[in-house]
Amino acid sequence: MEVKDYLWLMEEPVIIADNGNGALHIPIEILENELDLLNWDTRNFQWSMYKDGYASLSVAASLELLFEIQDTNGGLHQRFLVGACNFPLVAIAPIQDWLATAKSMCIKNAATDIGKRFGRGINKEILPDRSTQLEKVVQKTKPDNKIMNQFLKAIEEKDEATITMLTNIYDIKTD
């Protein structure tokens, strides 16, 4: 393939929208229409839910974006890109279709590797705000008898690792 075969990928995106927080994005409908020119598909979409250190329910997801690009000689070249995302569910409230949102975000993330037309560098001047400190919310559960026995045994054996682990997880009163 020649350089001229790729020049259109370096053009500005067709439509850019503001997400309301100062960051820009290409709406998924527009991005999918642009990807249609590349005979695109996805595979290996995977996701998992987790509680982060602030007790917020979050989702992490990834997928592979497949597309074909045709050179000036008519030859097709298939490419595979990986896209990923993670976000707390409260970040998209009141939207409840978080799985579709995660898949869309993964597609957008993978597509940026194709070129500027698909969002590469769209927010390059935005730096994360590191000055905001989140207060960590710890919700410890009440230990059952089995856990209390394990805790007491750890105290007898002076097993600091187990004591620390159990007191981090459970609301253990040592009075």
N, C-alpha and C. Protein backbone atom coordinates (compact mmCIF):
# COMPACT_ATOMS: atom_id res chain seq x y z
N MET A 1 0.84 -1.18 0.00
CA MET A 1 0.00 0.00 0.00
C MET A 1 0.88 1.24 0.00
N GLU A 2 0.37 2.26 -0.63
CA GLU A 2 1.09 3.51 -0.70
C GLU A 2 0.53 4.51 0.31
N VAL A 3 1.32 5.53 0.63
CA VAL A 3 0.91 6.55 1.59
C VAL A 3 -0.42 7.19 1.16
N LYS A 4 -0.58 7.44 -0.13
CA LYS A 4 -1.80 8.10 -0.60
C LYS A 4 -3.06 7.29 -0.30
N ASP A 5 -2.92 5.97 -0.11
CA ASP A 5 -4.06 5.12 0.22
C ASP A 5 -4.61 5.44 1.62
N TYR A 6 -3.79 6.03 2.46
CA TYR A 6 -4.18 6.28 3.85
C TYR A 6 -4.49 7.75 4.14
N LEU A 7 -4.30 8.65 3.22
CA LEU A 7 -4.42 10.07 3.50
C LEU A 7 -5.79 10.47 4.04
N TRP A 8 -6.86 9.84 3.56
CA TRP A 8 -8.20 10.21 4.03
C TRP A 8 -8.38 9.91 5.51
N LEU A 9 -7.59 8.98 6.05
CA LEU A 9 -7.69 8.66 7.48
C LEU A 9 -7.15 9.78 8.35
N MET A 10 -6.35 10.66 7.76
CA MET A 10 -5.75 11.77 8.51
C MET A 10 -6.60 13.03 8.44
N GLU A 11 -7.75 12.97 7.76
CA GLU A 11 -8.65 14.12 7.69
C GLU A 11 -9.35 14.31 9.03
N GLU A 12 -9.88 15.51 9.24
CA GLU A 12 -10.65 15.80 10.46
C GLU A 12 -11.90 14.94 10.51
N PRO A 13 -12.36 14.59 11.71
CA PRO A 13 -13.62 13.85 11.83
C PRO A 13 -14.79 14.63 11.23
N VAL A 14 -15.81 13.92 10.75
CA VAL A 14 -16.97 14.55 10.14
C VAL A 14 -17.72 15.40 11.15
N ILE A 15 -18.01 14.85 12.31
CA ILE A 15 -18.74 15.57 13.36
C ILE A 15 -18.06 15.30 14.70
N ILE A 16 -17.85 16.36 15.46
CA ILE A 16 -17.30 16.23 16.81
C ILE A 16 -18.32 16.85 17.76
N ALA A 17 -18.58 16.18 18.88
CA ALA A 17 -19.53 16.68 19.87
C ALA A 17 -18.83 16.86 21.21
N ASP A 18 -19.38 17.74 22.02
CA ASP A 18 -18.88 17.97 23.38
C ASP A 18 -19.70 17.09 24.31
N ASN A 19 -19.03 16.40 25.23
CA ASN A 19 -19.76 15.51 26.14
C ASN A 19 -20.37 16.24 27.32
N GLY A 20 -20.23 17.56 27.38
CA GLY A 20 -20.80 18.34 28.47
C GLY A 20 -19.80 18.61 29.59
N ASN A 21 -18.65 17.94 29.55
CA ASN A 21 -17.62 18.13 30.57
C ASN A 21 -16.34 18.71 29.97
N GLY A 22 -16.44 19.22 28.76
CA GLY A 22 -15.27 19.80 28.12
C GLY A 22 -14.50 18.86 27.22
N ALA A 23 -14.79 17.58 27.28
CA ALA A 23 -14.11 16.61 26.42
C ALA A 23 -14.92 16.43 25.13
N LEU A 24 -14.23 16.15 24.06
CA LEU A 24 -14.87 15.97 22.76
C LEU A 24 -14.96 14.49 22.42
N HIS A 25 -15.92 14.16 21.57
CA HIS A 25 -16.04 12.78 21.09
C HIS A 25 -16.77 12.77 19.76
N ILE A 26 -16.67 11.66 19.06
CA ILE A 26 -17.44 11.45 17.85
C ILE A 26 -18.64 10.60 18.25
N PRO A 27 -19.87 11.07 18.03
CA PRO A 27 -21.03 10.26 18.39
C PRO A 27 -20.96 8.88 17.73
N ILE A 28 -21.36 7.86 18.45
CA ILE A 28 -21.21 6.48 17.98
C ILE A 28 -21.92 6.25 16.65
N GLU A 29 -23.07 6.88 16.42
CA GLU A 29 -23.78 6.70 15.15
C GLU A 29 -22.93 7.19 13.98
N ILE A 30 -22.28 8.33 14.17
CA ILE A 30 -21.42 8.91 13.13
C ILE A 30 -20.20 8.02 12.92
N LEU A 31 -19.60 7.58 14.02
CA LEU A 31 -18.41 6.73 13.94
C LEU A 31 -18.73 5.43 13.22
N GLU A 32 -19.86 4.81 13.55
CA GLU A 32 -20.24 3.56 12.90
C GLU A 32 -20.46 3.76 11.41
N ASN A 33 -21.07 4.90 11.02
CA ASN A 33 -21.24 5.19 9.60
C ASN A 33 -19.90 5.32 8.89
N GLU A 34 -18.94 5.96 9.54
CA GLU A 34 -17.59 6.08 8.97
C GLU A 34 -16.92 4.71 8.88
N LEU A 35 -17.10 3.90 9.92
CA LEU A 35 -16.51 2.56 9.91
C LEU A 35 -17.13 1.67 8.84
N ASP A 36 -18.38 1.95 8.47
CA ASP A 36 -19.03 1.17 7.41
C ASP A 36 -18.22 1.21 6.11
N LEU A 37 -17.50 2.31 5.90
CA LEU A 37 -16.65 2.42 4.70
C LEU A 37 -15.52 1.38 4.73
N LEU A 38 -15.24 0.84 5.92
CA LEU A 38 -14.13 -0.09 6.11
C LEU A 38 -14.61 -1.53 6.34
N ASN A 39 -15.91 -1.79 6.08
CA ASN A 39 -16.45 -3.14 6.25
C ASN A 39 -16.04 -3.71 7.62
N TRP A 40 -16.43 -3.04 8.68
CA TRP A 40 -15.98 -3.33 10.03
C TRP A 40 -16.82 -4.39 10.73
N ASP A 41 -16.26 -4.92 11.79
CA ASP A 41 -16.94 -5.89 12.64
C ASP A 41 -16.22 -5.89 14.00
N THR A 42 -16.84 -6.51 14.99
CA THR A 42 -16.18 -6.67 16.28
C THR A 42 -16.18 -8.15 16.65
N ARG A 43 -15.27 -8.50 17.53
CA ARG A 43 -15.24 -9.85 18.08
C ARG A 43 -14.62 -9.81 19.47
N ASN A 44 -14.80 -10.88 20.19
CA ASN A 44 -14.22 -11.04 21.54
C ASN A 44 -14.59 -9.92 22.50
N PHE A 45 -15.86 -9.49 22.48
CA PHE A 45 -16.30 -8.49 23.46
C PHE A 45 -16.36 -9.16 24.82
N GLN A 46 -15.63 -8.60 25.78
CA GLN A 46 -15.58 -9.15 27.14
C GLN A 46 -15.79 -8.01 28.13
N TRP A 47 -16.44 -8.33 29.23
CA TRP A 47 -16.68 -7.31 30.24
C TRP A 47 -16.70 -7.96 31.62
N SER A 48 -16.50 -7.12 32.61
CA SER A 48 -16.64 -7.58 34.00
C SER A 48 -17.04 -6.38 34.85
N MET A 49 -17.76 -6.69 35.90
CA MET A 49 -18.16 -5.68 36.87
C MET A 49 -17.28 -5.83 38.09
N TYR A 50 -16.99 -4.72 38.73
CA TYR A 50 -16.17 -4.76 39.93
C TYR A 50 -16.52 -3.58 40.82
N LYS A 51 -16.17 -3.71 42.07
CA LYS A 51 -16.28 -2.59 43.00
C LYS A 51 -14.89 -2.00 43.14
N ASP A 52 -14.79 -0.70 42.91
CA ASP A 52 -13.49 -0.06 43.04
C ASP A 52 -13.20 0.26 44.50
N GLY A 53 -12.10 0.89 44.76
CA GLY A 53 -11.68 1.21 46.13
C GLY A 53 -12.59 2.20 46.83
N TYR A 54 -13.49 2.80 46.10
CA TYR A 54 -14.43 3.75 46.69
C TYR A 54 -15.83 3.14 46.81
N ALA A 55 -15.93 1.83 46.69
CA ALA A 55 -17.18 1.06 46.81
C ALA A 55 -18.17 1.41 45.72
N SER A 56 -17.70 1.92 44.58
CA SER A 56 -18.56 2.20 43.44
C SER A 56 -18.57 1.00 42.52
N LEU A 57 -19.75 0.67 42.02
CA LEU A 57 -19.87 -0.42 41.06
C LEU A 57 -19.42 0.11 39.71
N SER A 58 -18.46 -0.59 39.11
CA SER A 58 -17.88 -0.15 37.84
C SER A 58 -17.87 -1.29 36.85
N VAL A 59 -17.63 -0.95 35.59
CA VAL A 59 -17.54 -1.95 34.54
C VAL A 59 -16.24 -1.72 33.77
N ALA A 60 -15.61 -2.80 33.38
CA ALA A 60 -14.44 -2.76 32.50
C ALA A 60 -14.75 -3.66 31.32
N ALA A 61 -14.38 -3.23 30.13
CA ALA A 61 -14.70 -4.02 28.94
C ALA A 61 -13.61 -3.86 27.89
N SER A 62 -13.58 -4.82 26.96
CA SER A 62 -12.65 -4.75 25.83
C SER A 62 -13.24 -5.51 24.66
N LEU A 63 -12.73 -5.23 23.49
CA LEU A 63 -13.14 -5.95 22.28
C LEU A 63 -12.07 -5.78 21.22
N GLU A 64 -12.22 -6.54 20.15
CA GLU A 64 -11.36 -6.39 18.98
C GLU A 64 -12.20 -5.80 17.86
N LEU A 65 -11.68 -4.76 17.22
CA LEU A 65 -12.32 -4.13 16.08
C LEU A 65 -11.60 -4.60 14.83
N LEU A 66 -12.35 -5.18 13.91
CA LEU A 66 -11.78 -5.66 12.65
C LEU A 66 -12.25 -4.73 11.54
N PHE A 67 -11.38 -4.43 10.60
CA PHE A 67 -11.79 -3.64 9.45
C PHE A 67 -10.89 -3.96 8.27
N GLU A 68 -11.39 -3.62 7.08
CA GLU A 68 -10.64 -3.83 5.85
C GLU A 68 -10.40 -2.48 5.20
N ILE A 69 -9.24 -2.34 4.63
CA ILE A 69 -8.93 -1.12 3.90
C ILE A 69 -8.43 -1.53 2.53
N GLN A 70 -8.93 -0.83 1.52
CA GLN A 70 -8.59 -1.17 0.15
C GLN A 70 -7.53 -0.21 -0.38
N ASP A 71 -6.51 -0.75 -1.01
CA ASP A 71 -5.48 0.12 -1.59
C ASP A 71 -5.90 0.53 -3.00
N THR A 72 -5.11 1.38 -3.63
CA THR A 72 -5.46 1.90 -4.96
C THR A 72 -5.43 0.82 -6.03
N ASN A 73 -4.81 -0.30 -5.75
CA ASN A 73 -4.78 -1.41 -6.70
C ASN A 73 -5.95 -2.38 -6.49
N GLY A 74 -6.83 -2.06 -5.53
CA GLY A 74 -7.98 -2.92 -5.28
C GLY A 74 -7.72 -4.02 -4.27
N GLY A 75 -6.53 -4.09 -3.74
CA GLY A 75 -6.21 -5.12 -2.75
C GLY A 75 -6.80 -4.78 -1.39
N LEU A 76 -7.34 -5.79 -0.71
CA LEU A 76 -7.91 -5.60 0.63
C LEU A 76 -6.90 -5.99 1.69
N HIS A 77 -6.81 -5.17 2.70
CA HIS A 77 -5.92 -5.44 3.82
C HIS A 77 -6.76 -5.43 5.09
N GLN A 78 -6.73 -6.54 5.84
CA GLN A 78 -7.51 -6.64 7.06
C GLN A 78 -6.66 -6.24 8.26
N ARG A 79 -7.26 -5.47 9.17
CA ARG A 79 -6.58 -5.01 10.37
C ARG A 79 -7.41 -5.34 11.59
N PHE A 80 -6.75 -5.52 12.71
CA PHE A 80 -7.39 -5.82 13.98
C PHE A 80 -6.86 -4.84 15.02
N LEU A 81 -7.76 -4.20 15.74
CA LEU A 81 -7.37 -3.26 16.79
C LEU A 81 -8.10 -3.62 18.07
N VAL A 82 -7.51 -3.33 19.20
CA VAL A 82 -8.14 -3.60 20.49
C VAL A 82 -8.59 -2.28 21.10
N GLY A 83 -9.81 -2.30 21.64
CA GLY A 83 -10.34 -1.14 22.34
C GLY A 83 -10.79 -1.55 23.73
N ALA A 84 -10.68 -0.64 24.67
CA ALA A 84 -11.07 -0.94 26.06
C ALA A 84 -11.68 0.29 26.70
N CYS A 85 -12.40 0.06 27.79
CA CYS A 85 -12.96 1.16 28.56
C CYS A 85 -13.20 0.68 29.99
N ASN A 86 -13.32 1.60 30.88
CA ASN A 86 -13.78 1.32 32.23
C ASN A 86 -14.41 2.59 32.78
N PHE A 87 -15.47 2.41 33.55
CA PHE A 87 -16.16 3.56 34.11
C PHE A 87 -17.07 3.11 35.25
N PRO A 88 -17.28 4.00 36.23
CA PRO A 88 -18.26 3.70 37.27
C PRO A 88 -19.66 3.85 36.68
N LEU A 89 -20.58 3.00 37.07
CA LEU A 89 -21.93 3.05 36.52
C LEU A 89 -22.62 4.39 36.78
N VAL A 90 -22.29 5.02 37.90
CA VAL A 90 -22.92 6.31 38.20
C VAL A 90 -22.51 7.38 37.17
N ALA A 91 -21.42 7.16 36.46
CA ALA A 91 -20.96 8.14 35.48
C ALA A 91 -21.90 8.24 34.27
N ILE A 92 -22.70 7.22 34.02
CA ILE A 92 -23.60 7.26 32.87
C ILE A 92 -25.06 7.35 33.29
N ALA A 93 -25.33 7.52 34.59
CA ALA A 93 -26.71 7.62 35.07
C ALA A 93 -27.39 8.79 34.36
N PRO A 94 -28.64 8.68 34.02
CA PRO A 94 -29.61 7.63 34.31
C PRO A 94 -29.66 6.51 33.27
N ILE A 95 -28.69 6.46 32.36
CA ILE A 95 -28.67 5.39 31.36
C ILE A 95 -28.49 4.05 32.06
N GLN A 96 -29.35 3.10 31.75
CA GLN A 96 -29.26 1.80 32.38
C GLN A 96 -28.66 0.74 31.46
N ASP A 97 -28.52 1.06 30.19
CA ASP A 97 -27.97 0.09 29.24
C ASP A 97 -26.45 0.21 29.22
N TRP A 98 -25.83 -0.11 30.35
CA TRP A 98 -24.39 0.08 30.52
C TRP A 98 -23.57 -0.84 29.63
N LEU A 99 -24.11 -2.01 29.27
CA LEU A 99 -23.35 -2.93 28.43
C LEU A 99 -23.20 -2.37 27.01
N ALA A 100 -24.27 -1.81 26.47
CA ALA A 100 -24.19 -1.18 25.14
C ALA A 100 -23.27 0.03 25.19
N THR A 101 -23.32 0.78 26.28
CA THR A 101 -22.44 1.93 26.45
C THR A 101 -20.98 1.48 26.47
N ALA A 102 -20.70 0.41 27.20
CA ALA A 102 -19.33 -0.11 27.28
C ALA A 102 -18.85 -0.56 25.90
N LYS A 103 -19.71 -1.25 25.16
CA LYS A 103 -19.30 -1.71 23.82
C LYS A 103 -19.03 -0.51 22.91
N SER A 104 -19.90 0.49 22.95
CA SER A 104 -19.69 1.69 22.13
C SER A 104 -18.38 2.37 22.48
N MET A 105 -18.09 2.48 23.77
CA MET A 105 -16.85 3.13 24.20
C MET A 105 -15.63 2.33 23.74
N CYS A 106 -15.72 1.00 23.77
CA CYS A 106 -14.62 0.17 23.29
C CYS A 106 -14.40 0.36 21.79
N ILE A 107 -15.49 0.43 21.03
CA ILE A 107 -15.38 0.65 19.59
C ILE A 107 -14.71 2.00 19.32
N LYS A 108 -15.16 3.04 20.04
CA LYS A 108 -14.56 4.37 19.87
C LYS A 108 -13.07 4.35 20.21
N ASN A 109 -12.73 3.66 21.30
CA ASN A 109 -11.33 3.59 21.73
C ASN A 109 -10.46 2.89 20.69
N ALA A 110 -10.94 1.78 20.15
CA ALA A 110 -10.17 1.05 19.13
C ALA A 110 -10.05 1.87 17.85
N ALA A 111 -11.14 2.52 17.46
CA ALA A 111 -11.15 3.26 16.19
C ALA A 111 -10.16 4.41 16.17
N THR A 112 -9.83 4.97 17.34
CA THR A 112 -8.88 6.08 17.35
C THR A 112 -7.52 5.67 16.79
N ASP A 113 -7.20 4.38 16.87
CA ASP A 113 -5.92 3.92 16.32
C ASP A 113 -5.89 3.93 14.80
N ILE A 114 -7.06 4.03 14.16
CA ILE A 114 -7.10 4.05 12.70
C ILE A 114 -6.55 5.37 12.18
N GLY A 115 -6.91 6.47 12.82
CA GLY A 115 -6.41 7.76 12.37
C GLY A 115 -7.23 8.91 12.89
N LYS A 116 -6.83 10.12 12.51
CA LYS A 116 -7.46 11.34 12.98
C LYS A 116 -8.95 11.38 12.65
N ARG A 117 -9.34 10.87 11.51
CA ARG A 117 -10.74 10.86 11.09
C ARG A 117 -11.62 10.11 12.08
N PHE A 118 -11.03 9.17 12.81
CA PHE A 118 -11.77 8.35 13.76
C PHE A 118 -11.52 8.76 15.21
N GLY A 119 -10.95 9.94 15.41
CA GLY A 119 -10.82 10.49 16.75
C GLY A 119 -9.44 10.50 17.36
N ARG A 120 -8.42 10.10 16.62
CA ARG A 120 -7.07 10.14 17.19
C ARG A 120 -6.69 11.57 17.55
N GLY A 121 -6.26 11.76 18.77
CA GLY A 121 -5.80 13.07 19.23
C GLY A 121 -6.90 14.07 19.49
N ILE A 122 -8.15 13.63 19.52
CA ILE A 122 -9.27 14.56 19.64
C ILE A 122 -9.26 15.34 20.96
N ASN A 123 -8.70 14.76 22.01
CA ASN A 123 -8.64 15.43 23.31
C ASN A 123 -7.21 15.54 23.82
N LYS A 124 -6.27 15.68 22.91
CA LYS A 124 -4.86 15.65 23.31
C LYS A 124 -4.46 16.79 24.25
N GLU A 125 -5.20 17.91 24.20
CA GLU A 125 -4.85 19.03 25.06
C GLU A 125 -5.48 18.96 26.44
N ILE A 126 -6.35 17.98 26.66
CA ILE A 126 -7.01 17.85 27.96
C ILE A 126 -6.18 16.95 28.86
N LEU A 127 -5.82 17.48 30.02
CA LEU A 127 -5.07 16.70 30.99
C LEU A 127 -5.99 16.36 32.15
N PRO A 128 -5.82 15.19 32.76
CA PRO A 128 -6.66 14.84 33.90
C PRO A 128 -6.46 15.79 35.06
N ASP A 129 -7.53 16.08 35.79
CA ASP A 129 -7.47 16.92 36.98
C ASP A 129 -7.04 16.06 38.15
N ARG A 130 -5.82 16.19 38.56
CA ARG A 130 -5.27 15.39 39.66
C ARG A 130 -5.47 16.05 41.02
N SER A 131 -6.04 17.27 41.02
CA SER A 131 -6.20 17.98 42.29
C SER A 131 -7.41 17.51 43.09
N THR A 132 -8.34 16.85 42.45
CA THR A 132 -9.54 16.40 43.14
C THR A 132 -9.24 15.13 43.92
N GLN A 133 -9.55 15.17 45.19
CA GLN A 133 -9.36 14.00 46.04
C GLN A 133 -10.73 13.42 46.36
N LEU A 134 -10.92 12.15 46.06
CA LEU A 134 -12.16 11.48 46.39
C LEU A 134 -12.05 10.86 47.78
N GLU A 135 -13.12 10.98 48.53
CA GLU A 135 -13.13 10.37 49.85
C GLU A 135 -13.48 8.90 49.70
N LYS A 136 -12.63 8.07 50.22
CA LYS A 136 -12.83 6.63 50.11
C LYS A 136 -13.93 6.19 51.08
N VAL A 137 -14.94 5.53 50.53
CA VAL A 137 -16.04 5.02 51.33
C VAL A 137 -15.79 3.54 51.59
N VAL A 138 -15.67 3.19 52.84
CA VAL A 138 -15.41 1.80 53.19
C VAL A 138 -16.65 1.23 53.86
N GLN A 139 -17.18 0.18 53.27
CA GLN A 139 -18.33 -0.49 53.84
C GLN A 139 -17.90 -1.88 54.27
N LYS A 140 -17.60 -2.00 55.53
CA LYS A 140 -17.15 -3.29 56.05
C LYS A 140 -18.36 -4.11 56.47
N THR A 141 -18.27 -5.40 56.28
CA THR A 141 -19.36 -6.29 56.67
C THR A 141 -19.10 -6.85 58.06
N LYS A 142 -20.18 -7.28 58.69
CA LYS A 142 -20.08 -7.86 60.03
C LYS A 142 -19.57 -9.29 59.89
N PRO A 143 -18.55 -9.66 60.66
CA PRO A 143 -17.99 -11.01 60.54
C PRO A 143 -18.90 -12.06 61.17
N ASP A 144 -18.92 -13.25 60.57
CA ASP A 144 -19.65 -14.35 61.19
C ASP A 144 -18.72 -15.07 62.17
N ASN A 145 -19.20 -16.13 62.79
CA ASN A 145 -18.40 -16.86 63.79
C ASN A 145 -17.12 -17.45 63.20
N LYS A 146 -17.22 -17.97 61.99
CA LYS A 146 -16.04 -18.56 61.35
C LYS A 146 -14.94 -17.51 61.16
N ILE A 147 -15.31 -16.33 60.72
CA ILE A 147 -14.34 -15.25 60.52
C ILE A 147 -13.76 -14.80 61.86
N MET A 148 -14.61 -14.68 62.89
CA MET A 148 -14.13 -14.27 64.22
C MET A 148 -13.14 -15.29 64.78
N ASN A 149 -13.42 -16.59 64.57
CA ASN A 149 -12.49 -17.63 65.02
C ASN A 149 -11.16 -17.53 64.28
N GLN A 150 -11.23 -17.26 62.99
CA GLN A 150 -10.01 -17.08 62.20
C GLN A 150 -9.24 -15.87 62.71
N PHE A 151 -9.94 -14.79 63.04
CA PHE A 151 -9.31 -13.58 63.55
C PHE A 151 -8.64 -13.85 64.91
N LEU A 152 -9.34 -14.53 65.80
CA LEU A 152 -8.78 -14.83 67.13
C LEU A 152 -7.55 -15.73 67.03
N LYS A 153 -7.61 -16.69 66.11
CA LYS A 153 -6.46 -17.58 65.88
C LYS A 153 -5.26 -16.77 65.37
N ALA A 154 -5.52 -15.80 64.48
CA ALA A 154 -4.46 -14.96 63.94
C ALA A 154 -3.83 -14.12 65.04
N ILE A 155 -4.64 -13.65 65.99
CA ILE A 155 -4.11 -12.89 67.12
C ILE A 155 -3.21 -13.78 67.97
N GLU A 156 -3.67 -15.01 68.26
CA GLU A 156 -2.87 -15.96 69.06
C GLU A 156 -1.53 -16.24 68.40
N GLU A 157 -1.56 -16.42 67.10
CA GLU A 157 -0.34 -16.79 66.36
C GLU A 157 0.46 -15.56 65.91
N LYS A 158 -0.03 -14.38 66.27
CA LYS A 158 0.63 -13.12 65.88
C LYS A 158 0.83 -13.03 64.35
N ASP A 159 -0.21 -13.45 63.63
CA ASP A 159 -0.22 -13.44 62.17
C ASP A 159 -0.72 -12.08 61.69
N GLU A 160 0.21 -11.11 61.57
CA GLU A 160 -0.14 -9.73 61.24
C GLU A 160 -0.82 -9.60 59.88
N ALA A 161 -0.41 -10.41 58.92
CA ALA A 161 -1.00 -10.33 57.58
C ALA A 161 -2.48 -10.67 57.63
N THR A 162 -2.84 -11.75 58.31
CA THR A 162 -4.24 -12.16 58.41
C THR A 162 -5.04 -11.15 59.23
N ILE A 163 -4.46 -10.66 60.32
CA ILE A 163 -5.14 -9.66 61.15
C ILE A 163 -5.46 -8.41 60.32
N THR A 164 -4.47 -7.93 59.58
CA THR A 164 -4.67 -6.74 58.75
C THR A 164 -5.72 -6.98 57.68
N MET A 165 -5.63 -8.13 57.00
CA MET A 165 -6.58 -8.44 55.95
C MET A 165 -8.01 -8.48 56.49
N LEU A 166 -8.20 -9.19 57.59
CA LEU A 166 -9.55 -9.33 58.15
C LEU A 166 -10.10 -8.01 58.68
N THR A 167 -9.26 -7.19 59.31
CA THR A 167 -9.75 -5.90 59.81
C THR A 167 -10.02 -4.91 58.67
N ASN A 168 -9.37 -5.09 57.53
CA ASN A 168 -9.66 -4.26 56.37
C ASN A 168 -11.00 -4.62 55.74
N ILE A 169 -11.39 -5.87 55.84
CA ILE A 169 -12.61 -6.34 55.20
C ILE A 169 -13.82 -6.30 56.14
N TYR A 170 -13.60 -6.70 57.38
CA TYR A 170 -14.72 -6.88 58.31
C TYR A 170 -14.71 -5.83 59.42
N ASP A 171 -15.89 -5.53 59.92
CA ASP A 171 -16.07 -4.61 61.03
C ASP A 171 -15.87 -5.40 62.33
N ILE A 172 -14.61 -5.60 62.69
CA ILE A 172 -14.26 -6.41 63.86
C ILE A 172 -14.00 -5.50 65.04
N LYS A 173 -14.75 -5.73 66.09
CA LYS A 173 -14.57 -4.98 67.33
C LYS A 173 -13.61 -5.75 68.20
N THR A 174 -12.53 -5.11 68.61
CA THR A 174 -11.50 -5.77 69.41
C THR A 174 -11.60 -5.44 70.89
N ASP A 175 -12.68 -4.81 71.29
CA ASP A 175 -12.86 -4.45 72.71
C ASP A 175 -13.21 -5.66 73.55
